């Protein structure tokens, strides 16, 4: 694991989020597996946890139209309804546990990245598929 992701995960662990109420997605599932470098962590959380975090970090809220992200340095907490994860509880419960943290399964990440549909998402999908084919 490279130094950058190790540092990000160390900061994330200090948040002490309850297991079973979050899942790390975005580029971090690629970074933790050494597929590509990452620069931040995107974290989807249950609604209950999101409400608690809004109270704990009210000044860290970043409004983007109707979305209300909580930005903690390079860690971004995404409201459940904004993450494009259709069933947050199922995604969390089926997540891969790596280094004691929950990361979205790569097959689920491919679906999410297709929904996002940005150039960088299609590049990531190609990297994920190449990684899965090698396994």
Protein backbone atom coordinates (compact mmCIF):
# COMPACT_ATOMS: atom_id res chain seq x y z
CA UNK A 1 0.00 0.00 0.00
CA UNK A 2 1.45 3.35 -0.98
CA UNK A 3 2.09 6.19 1.46
CA UNK A 4 -0.72 8.43 0.18
CA UNK A 5 -3.51 5.89 0.69
CA UNK A 6 -2.02 4.82 4.02
CA UNK A 7 -2.17 8.45 5.17
CA UNK A 8 -5.77 8.90 3.95
CA UNK A 9 -6.91 5.70 5.63
CA UNK A 10 -5.18 6.73 8.86
CA UNK A 11 -7.13 9.98 8.87
CA UNK A 12 -10.33 8.12 8.05
CA UNK A 13 -9.81 5.66 10.90
CA UNK A 14 -9.50 8.61 13.31
CA UNK A 15 -13.11 9.55 12.47
CA UNK A 16 -14.04 6.31 14.22
CA UNK A 17 -17.18 5.72 12.16
CA UNK A 18 -19.25 2.76 13.33
CA UNK A 19 -18.78 -0.42 11.33
CA UNK A 20 -21.83 -1.34 9.29
CA UNK A 21 -22.81 2.29 8.66
CA UNK A 22 -20.39 3.36 5.94
CA UNK A 23 -18.77 2.13 2.75
CA UNK A 24 -15.77 3.65 0.98
CA UNK A 25 -16.26 3.98 -2.76
CA UNK A 26 -15.19 6.26 -5.63
CA UNK A 27 -11.52 5.72 -6.45
CA UNK A 28 -10.41 4.38 -3.06
CA UNK A 29 -11.40 0.75 -3.79
CA UNK A 30 -8.95 0.97 -6.71
CA UNK A 31 -6.26 2.58 -4.58
CA UNK A 32 -6.43 0.03 -1.76
CA UNK A 33 -5.95 -2.76 -4.30
CA UNK A 34 -3.03 -1.01 -6.01
CA UNK A 35 -4.95 -0.52 -9.27
CA UNK A 36 -4.24 3.21 -9.42
CA UNK A 37 -3.29 6.18 -7.26
CA UNK A 38 -5.97 8.12 -5.43
CA UNK A 39 -6.17 11.61 -3.99
CA UNK A 40 -9.20 11.48 -1.69
CA UNK A 41 -11.80 9.24 -0.07
CA UNK A 42 -15.49 9.23 -0.92
CA UNK A 43 -17.60 7.66 1.81
CA UNK A 44 -21.29 6.79 1.60
CA UNK A 45 -23.02 6.50 4.96
CA UNK A 46 -26.40 5.49 6.32
CA UNK A 47 -28.90 8.26 6.90
CA UNK A 48 -28.60 7.95 10.71
CA UNK A 49 -24.83 8.34 10.61
CA UNK A 50 -25.07 11.19 8.11
CA UNK A 51 -27.42 13.12 10.42
CA UNK A 52 -25.04 12.63 13.37
CA UNK A 53 -22.05 13.78 11.30
CA UNK A 54 -23.93 16.90 10.15
CA UNK A 55 -24.36 17.86 13.80
CA UNK A 56 -20.75 17.06 14.66
CA UNK A 57 -19.26 18.91 11.66
CA UNK A 58 -21.77 21.66 10.77
CA UNK A 59 -19.12 24.04 9.41
CA UNK A 60 -17.70 21.37 7.11
CA UNK A 61 -20.88 21.05 5.09
CA UNK A 62 -20.47 21.80 1.40
CA UNK A 63 -23.67 22.51 -0.48
CA UNK A 64 -23.83 21.58 -4.12
CA UNK A 65 -27.30 22.51 -5.32
CA UNK A 66 -29.51 20.20 -3.23
CA UNK A 67 -26.66 17.88 -2.19
CA UNK A 68 -25.06 18.38 1.20
CA UNK A 69 -21.61 16.82 1.40
CA UNK A 70 -19.46 16.91 4.51
CA UNK A 71 -15.89 17.72 3.49
CA UNK A 72 -13.22 16.76 6.03
CA UNK A 73 -9.97 17.55 4.28
CA UNK A 74 -9.53 14.87 1.62
CA UNK A 75 -12.44 12.84 3.00
CA UNK A 76 -15.90 13.54 1.63
CA UNK A 77 -18.99 12.14 3.34
CA UNK A 78 -21.79 11.70 0.84
CA UNK A 79 -25.46 11.76 1.87
CA UNK A 80 -27.10 8.39 1.16
CA UNK A 81 -29.52 9.75 -1.42
CA UNK A 82 -26.71 11.46 -3.36
CA UNK A 83 -24.30 8.56 -3.65
CA UNK A 84 -26.12 6.74 -6.49
CA UNK A 85 -25.84 3.62 -4.36
CA UNK A 86 -29.34 2.22 -4.60
CA UNK A 87 -29.36 0.09 -1.48
CA UNK A 88 -26.83 1.50 0.99
CA UNK A 89 -27.44 -1.17 3.65
CA UNK A 90 -26.93 -4.04 1.19
CA UNK A 91 -23.85 -2.38 -0.27
CA UNK A 92 -22.37 -1.90 3.20
CA UNK A 93 -23.14 -5.43 4.35
CA UNK A 94 -21.66 -6.99 1.20
CA UNK A 95 -18.59 -4.71 1.11
CA UNK A 96 -15.06 -6.09 1.08
CA UNK A 97 -13.27 -5.54 4.39
CA UNK A 98 -9.68 -4.50 3.74
CA UNK A 99 -7.39 -3.15 6.45
CA UNK A 100 -10.41 -3.32 8.76
CA UNK A 101 -12.45 -0.91 6.60
CA UNK A 102 -15.42 -1.47 4.29
CA UNK A 103 -14.79 -0.89 0.58
CA UNK A 104 -17.47 -1.28 -2.07
CA UNK A 105 -17.09 -4.46 -4.11
CA UNK A 106 -15.45 -3.83 -7.46
CA UNK A 107 -18.42 -5.24 -9.40
CA UNK A 108 -20.73 -2.82 -7.57
CA UNK A 109 -18.26 0.00 -8.24
CA UNK A 110 -18.41 -0.73 -11.97
CA UNK A 111 -22.21 -0.27 -11.89
CA UNK A 112 -21.85 3.00 -9.99
CA UNK A 113 -19.17 4.31 -12.33
CA UNK A 114 -21.34 3.49 -15.36
CA UNK A 115 -24.13 5.56 -13.81
CA UNK A 116 -21.74 8.46 -13.26
CA UNK A 117 -20.64 8.19 -16.89
CA UNK A 118 -17.65 10.54 -16.77
CA UNK A 119 -14.51 9.94 -18.83
CA UNK A 120 -12.53 9.14 -15.68
CA UNK A 121 -15.18 6.57 -14.67
CA UNK A 122 -14.86 4.72 -17.96
CA UNK A 123 -11.08 4.69 -17.55
CA UNK A 124 -11.53 3.25 -14.05
CA UNK A 125 -13.97 0.61 -15.35
CA UNK A 126 -11.32 -0.53 -17.83
CA UNK A 127 -8.71 -0.73 -15.05
CA UNK A 128 -11.10 -2.67 -12.80
CA UNK A 129 -12.00 -5.13 -15.52
CA UNK A 130 -8.32 -5.71 -16.33
CA UNK A 131 -7.63 -6.28 -12.61
CA UNK A 132 -10.54 -8.72 -12.24
CA UNK A 133 -9.50 -10.63 -15.37
CA UNK A 134 -6.00 -11.16 -13.93
CA UNK A 135 -7.41 -12.72 -10.76
